[in-house]
Amino acid sequence: MEGSEPVFRWLASWCSGVSDYRLDLVAAGLSGDLAYTVGFERSRVSIDGGPAPENVLRVTHVFRRENGEWKIVHRHGDFGPSHQGPP
């Protein structure tokens, strides 16, 4: 979207010290030129210079193959109803 770059740069400026990233994959699928993954992203990141606790996001990625290359066409992540991650 036109004009959105400054907002994303401002948001990115809040985050620093990303470490310990991993994706715990729950499900994945492929059909033709479309694929998806569902899982939990775990990382440590400092927001606005504060401490870096472990963050757990539920995430879904949708991929599409274009000219032989896989590209993300959709990503959704949230903290989930309990903010705890998987049981």
N, C-alpha and C. Protein backbone atom coordinates (compact mmCIF):
# COMPACT_ATOMS: atom_id res chain seq x y z
N MET A 1 0.84 -1.17 0.00
CA MET A 1 0.00 0.00 0.00
C MET A 1 0.88 1.23 0.00
N GLU A 2 0.52 2.16 -0.81
CA GLU A 2 1.30 3.38 -0.92
C GLU A 2 1.30 4.14 0.40
N GLY A 3 2.46 4.60 0.81
CA GLY A 3 2.57 5.38 2.03
C GLY A 3 2.73 4.57 3.30
N SER A 4 2.74 3.24 3.20
CA SER A 4 2.82 2.42 4.42
C SER A 4 4.26 2.20 4.88
N GLU A 5 5.25 2.42 4.03
CA GLU A 5 6.64 2.15 4.40
C GLU A 5 7.08 2.90 5.66
N PRO A 6 6.78 4.20 5.81
CA PRO A 6 7.20 4.89 7.04
C PRO A 6 6.62 4.25 8.31
N VAL A 7 5.39 3.76 8.25
CA VAL A 7 4.78 3.13 9.42
C VAL A 7 5.52 1.85 9.78
N PHE A 8 5.84 1.02 8.77
CA PHE A 8 6.56 -0.22 9.04
C PHE A 8 7.97 0.05 9.56
N ARG A 9 8.64 1.07 9.04
CA ARG A 9 9.97 1.42 9.56
C ARG A 9 9.88 1.88 11.02
N TRP A 10 8.85 2.65 11.35
CA TRP A 10 8.64 3.12 12.73
C TRP A 10 8.38 1.93 13.65
N LEU A 11 7.51 1.00 13.25
CA LEU A 11 7.25 -0.19 14.05
C LEU A 11 8.51 -1.02 14.25
N ALA A 12 9.27 -1.22 13.17
CA ALA A 12 10.50 -2.02 13.25
C ALA A 12 11.53 -1.38 14.18
N SER A 13 11.51 -0.06 14.29
CA SER A 13 12.49 0.62 15.14
C SER A 13 12.29 0.31 16.62
N TRP A 14 11.12 -0.19 17.01
CA TRP A 14 10.85 -0.56 18.40
C TRP A 14 11.55 -1.85 18.80
N CYS A 15 11.82 -2.72 17.84
CA CYS A 15 12.31 -4.07 18.14
C CYS A 15 13.82 -4.13 18.01
N SER A 16 14.46 -4.83 18.96
CA SER A 16 15.91 -5.03 18.89
C SER A 16 16.26 -6.30 19.63
N GLY A 17 17.46 -6.79 19.42
CA GLY A 17 17.96 -7.93 20.17
C GLY A 17 17.17 -9.21 19.98
N VAL A 18 16.70 -9.46 18.76
CA VAL A 18 15.95 -10.70 18.51
C VAL A 18 16.91 -11.88 18.65
N SER A 19 16.49 -12.89 19.44
CA SER A 19 17.33 -14.08 19.61
C SER A 19 16.44 -15.30 19.85
N ASP A 20 17.06 -16.45 19.76
CA ASP A 20 16.41 -17.72 20.08
C ASP A 20 15.14 -17.99 19.28
N TYR A 21 15.10 -17.56 18.01
CA TYR A 21 13.91 -17.81 17.19
C TYR A 21 13.81 -19.29 16.81
N ARG A 22 12.59 -19.84 16.92
CA ARG A 22 12.32 -21.16 16.36
C ARG A 22 10.84 -21.26 16.02
N LEU A 23 10.52 -22.13 15.08
CA LEU A 23 9.15 -22.40 14.68
C LEU A 23 8.82 -23.83 15.04
N ASP A 24 7.83 -24.02 15.92
CA ASP A 24 7.34 -25.35 16.25
C ASP A 24 6.19 -25.64 15.29
N LEU A 25 6.46 -26.45 14.29
CA LEU A 25 5.49 -26.73 13.23
C LEU A 25 4.42 -27.67 13.74
N VAL A 26 3.15 -27.32 13.54
CA VAL A 26 2.01 -28.13 13.94
C VAL A 26 1.42 -28.85 12.74
N ALA A 27 1.32 -28.15 11.61
CA ALA A 27 0.74 -28.74 10.40
C ALA A 27 1.31 -28.03 9.18
N ALA A 28 1.33 -28.74 8.06
CA ALA A 28 1.75 -28.17 6.79
C ALA A 28 1.06 -28.94 5.67
N GLY A 29 0.85 -28.26 4.57
CA GLY A 29 0.22 -28.93 3.45
C GLY A 29 0.61 -28.28 2.14
N LEU A 30 0.41 -29.03 1.07
CA LEU A 30 0.79 -28.58 -0.27
C LEU A 30 -0.24 -29.11 -1.25
N SER A 31 -0.67 -28.24 -2.16
CA SER A 31 -1.57 -28.64 -3.23
C SER A 31 -1.23 -27.79 -4.45
N GLY A 32 -0.60 -28.42 -5.42
CA GLY A 32 -0.22 -27.67 -6.62
C GLY A 32 0.76 -26.56 -6.31
N ASP A 33 0.36 -25.34 -6.62
CA ASP A 33 1.22 -24.17 -6.41
C ASP A 33 0.90 -23.42 -5.12
N LEU A 34 0.14 -24.03 -4.22
CA LEU A 34 -0.18 -23.42 -2.92
C LEU A 34 0.29 -24.32 -1.79
N ALA A 35 0.76 -23.70 -0.71
CA ALA A 35 1.19 -24.45 0.46
C ALA A 35 0.89 -23.61 1.70
N TYR A 36 0.87 -24.28 2.86
CA TYR A 36 0.65 -23.56 4.10
C TYR A 36 1.45 -24.21 5.22
N THR A 37 1.71 -23.43 6.26
CA THR A 37 2.27 -23.94 7.50
C THR A 37 1.48 -23.32 8.65
N VAL A 38 1.34 -24.08 9.73
CA VAL A 38 0.69 -23.62 10.95
C VAL A 38 1.59 -24.03 12.10
N GLY A 39 1.85 -23.12 13.02
CA GLY A 39 2.71 -23.48 14.14
C GLY A 39 2.79 -22.39 15.18
N PHE A 40 3.81 -22.51 16.01
CA PHE A 40 4.07 -21.54 17.07
C PHE A 40 5.48 -20.99 16.88
N GLU A 41 5.59 -19.67 16.75
CA GLU A 41 6.89 -19.01 16.68
C GLU A 41 7.31 -18.64 18.10
N ARG A 42 8.52 -19.02 18.45
CA ARG A 42 9.05 -18.69 19.77
C ARG A 42 10.32 -17.85 19.57
N SER A 43 10.39 -16.73 20.27
CA SER A 43 11.56 -15.87 20.13
C SER A 43 11.68 -14.99 21.37
N ARG A 44 12.82 -14.37 21.46
CA ARG A 44 13.04 -13.34 22.48
C ARG A 44 13.36 -12.06 21.73
N VAL A 45 12.66 -11.00 22.08
CA VAL A 45 12.88 -9.71 21.42
C VAL A 45 12.64 -8.59 22.43
N SER A 46 13.47 -7.59 22.36
CA SER A 46 13.31 -6.42 23.21
C SER A 46 12.41 -5.42 22.48
N ILE A 47 11.38 -4.95 23.17
CA ILE A 47 10.49 -3.94 22.62
C ILE A 47 10.81 -2.60 23.29
N ASP A 48 11.18 -1.65 22.46
CA ASP A 48 11.48 -0.29 22.92
C ASP A 48 12.54 -0.28 24.02
N GLY A 49 13.55 -1.17 23.90
CA GLY A 49 14.68 -1.18 24.83
C GLY A 49 14.45 -1.91 26.14
N GLY A 50 13.28 -2.52 26.30
CA GLY A 50 12.96 -3.22 27.55
C GLY A 50 13.57 -4.61 27.60
N PRO A 51 13.20 -5.39 28.62
CA PRO A 51 13.69 -6.76 28.72
C PRO A 51 13.20 -7.60 27.54
N ALA A 52 13.82 -8.76 27.34
CA ALA A 52 13.50 -9.61 26.19
C ALA A 52 12.92 -10.94 26.67
N PRO A 53 11.65 -10.97 27.07
CA PRO A 53 11.05 -12.23 27.50
C PRO A 53 10.75 -13.12 26.29
N GLU A 54 10.47 -14.40 26.55
CA GLU A 54 10.08 -15.27 25.45
C GLU A 54 8.68 -14.87 24.97
N ASN A 55 8.53 -14.75 23.66
CA ASN A 55 7.25 -14.47 23.03
C ASN A 55 6.81 -15.71 22.27
N VAL A 56 5.53 -16.04 22.35
CA VAL A 56 4.98 -17.17 21.62
C VAL A 56 3.81 -16.67 20.79
N LEU A 57 3.91 -16.84 19.48
CA LEU A 57 2.84 -16.45 18.58
C LEU A 57 2.29 -17.67 17.86
N ARG A 58 0.97 -17.77 17.73
CA ARG A 58 0.37 -18.74 16.82
C ARG A 58 0.51 -18.13 15.44
N VAL A 59 0.99 -18.89 14.47
CA VAL A 59 1.20 -18.32 13.14
C VAL A 59 0.68 -19.25 12.05
N THR A 60 0.20 -18.62 11.01
CA THR A 60 -0.19 -19.31 9.78
C THR A 60 0.48 -18.58 8.63
N HIS A 61 1.12 -19.35 7.74
CA HIS A 61 1.72 -18.79 6.53
C HIS A 61 1.09 -19.47 5.33
N VAL A 62 0.79 -18.70 4.30
CA VAL A 62 0.31 -19.24 3.04
C VAL A 62 1.34 -18.86 1.98
N PHE A 63 1.75 -19.85 1.19
CA PHE A 63 2.76 -19.66 0.16
C PHE A 63 2.16 -19.94 -1.21
N ARG A 64 2.70 -19.27 -2.24
CA ARG A 64 2.32 -19.54 -3.62
C ARG A 64 3.60 -19.64 -4.45
N ARG A 65 3.63 -20.63 -5.34
CA ARG A 65 4.79 -20.79 -6.22
C ARG A 65 4.58 -19.87 -7.43
N GLU A 66 5.55 -18.99 -7.65
CA GLU A 66 5.52 -18.06 -8.78
C GLU A 66 6.82 -18.19 -9.55
N ASN A 67 6.74 -18.56 -10.80
CA ASN A 67 7.93 -18.71 -11.64
C ASN A 67 8.96 -19.63 -10.98
N GLY A 68 8.48 -20.71 -10.36
CA GLY A 68 9.36 -21.70 -9.75
C GLY A 68 9.87 -21.36 -8.37
N GLU A 69 9.48 -20.21 -7.80
CA GLU A 69 9.94 -19.80 -6.47
C GLU A 69 8.75 -19.70 -5.52
N TRP A 70 8.94 -20.14 -4.27
CA TRP A 70 7.89 -20.04 -3.26
C TRP A 70 7.94 -18.66 -2.62
N LYS A 71 6.78 -18.01 -2.54
CA LYS A 71 6.68 -16.68 -1.93
C LYS A 71 5.54 -16.68 -0.92
N ILE A 72 5.76 -15.99 0.20
CA ILE A 72 4.67 -15.84 1.18
C ILE A 72 3.67 -14.84 0.62
N VAL A 73 2.40 -15.26 0.60
CA VAL A 73 1.34 -14.36 0.15
C VAL A 73 0.41 -13.95 1.28
N HIS A 74 0.54 -14.64 2.43
CA HIS A 74 -0.26 -14.27 3.60
C HIS A 74 0.43 -14.77 4.86
N ARG A 75 0.40 -13.94 5.89
CA ARG A 75 0.93 -14.33 7.20
C ARG A 75 0.00 -13.78 8.26
N HIS A 76 -0.33 -14.61 9.21
CA HIS A 76 -1.12 -14.15 10.36
C HIS A 76 -0.45 -14.68 11.62
N GLY A 77 -0.32 -13.83 12.61
CA GLY A 77 0.22 -14.25 13.89
C GLY A 77 -0.52 -13.54 15.01
N ASP A 78 -0.79 -14.28 16.08
CA ASP A 78 -1.39 -13.66 17.26
C ASP A 78 -0.93 -14.40 18.51
N PHE A 79 -1.23 -13.82 19.66
CA PHE A 79 -0.81 -14.42 20.92
C PHE A 79 -1.74 -15.54 21.39
N GLY A 80 -2.89 -15.69 20.77
CA GLY A 80 -3.81 -16.74 21.17
C GLY A 80 -4.63 -16.32 22.38
N PRO A 81 -5.67 -17.09 22.68
CA PRO A 81 -6.58 -16.68 23.76
C PRO A 81 -5.95 -16.69 25.14
N SER A 82 -4.97 -17.56 25.39
CA SER A 82 -4.40 -17.63 26.74
C SER A 82 -3.04 -16.95 26.84
N HIS A 83 -2.49 -16.52 25.71
CA HIS A 83 -1.14 -15.92 25.67
C HIS A 83 -0.09 -16.90 26.19
N GLN A 84 -0.39 -18.19 26.17
CA GLN A 84 0.51 -19.19 26.72
C GLN A 84 1.13 -20.08 25.65
N GLY A 85 0.61 -20.12 24.42
CA GLY A 85 1.10 -21.06 23.44
C GLY A 85 0.38 -22.38 23.57
N PRO A 86 0.98 -23.44 23.06
CA PRO A 86 0.29 -24.73 23.06
C PRO A 86 0.19 -25.32 24.47
N PRO A 87 -0.82 -26.15 24.69
CA PRO A 87 -0.96 -26.77 26.01
C PRO A 87 0.17 -27.71 26.34
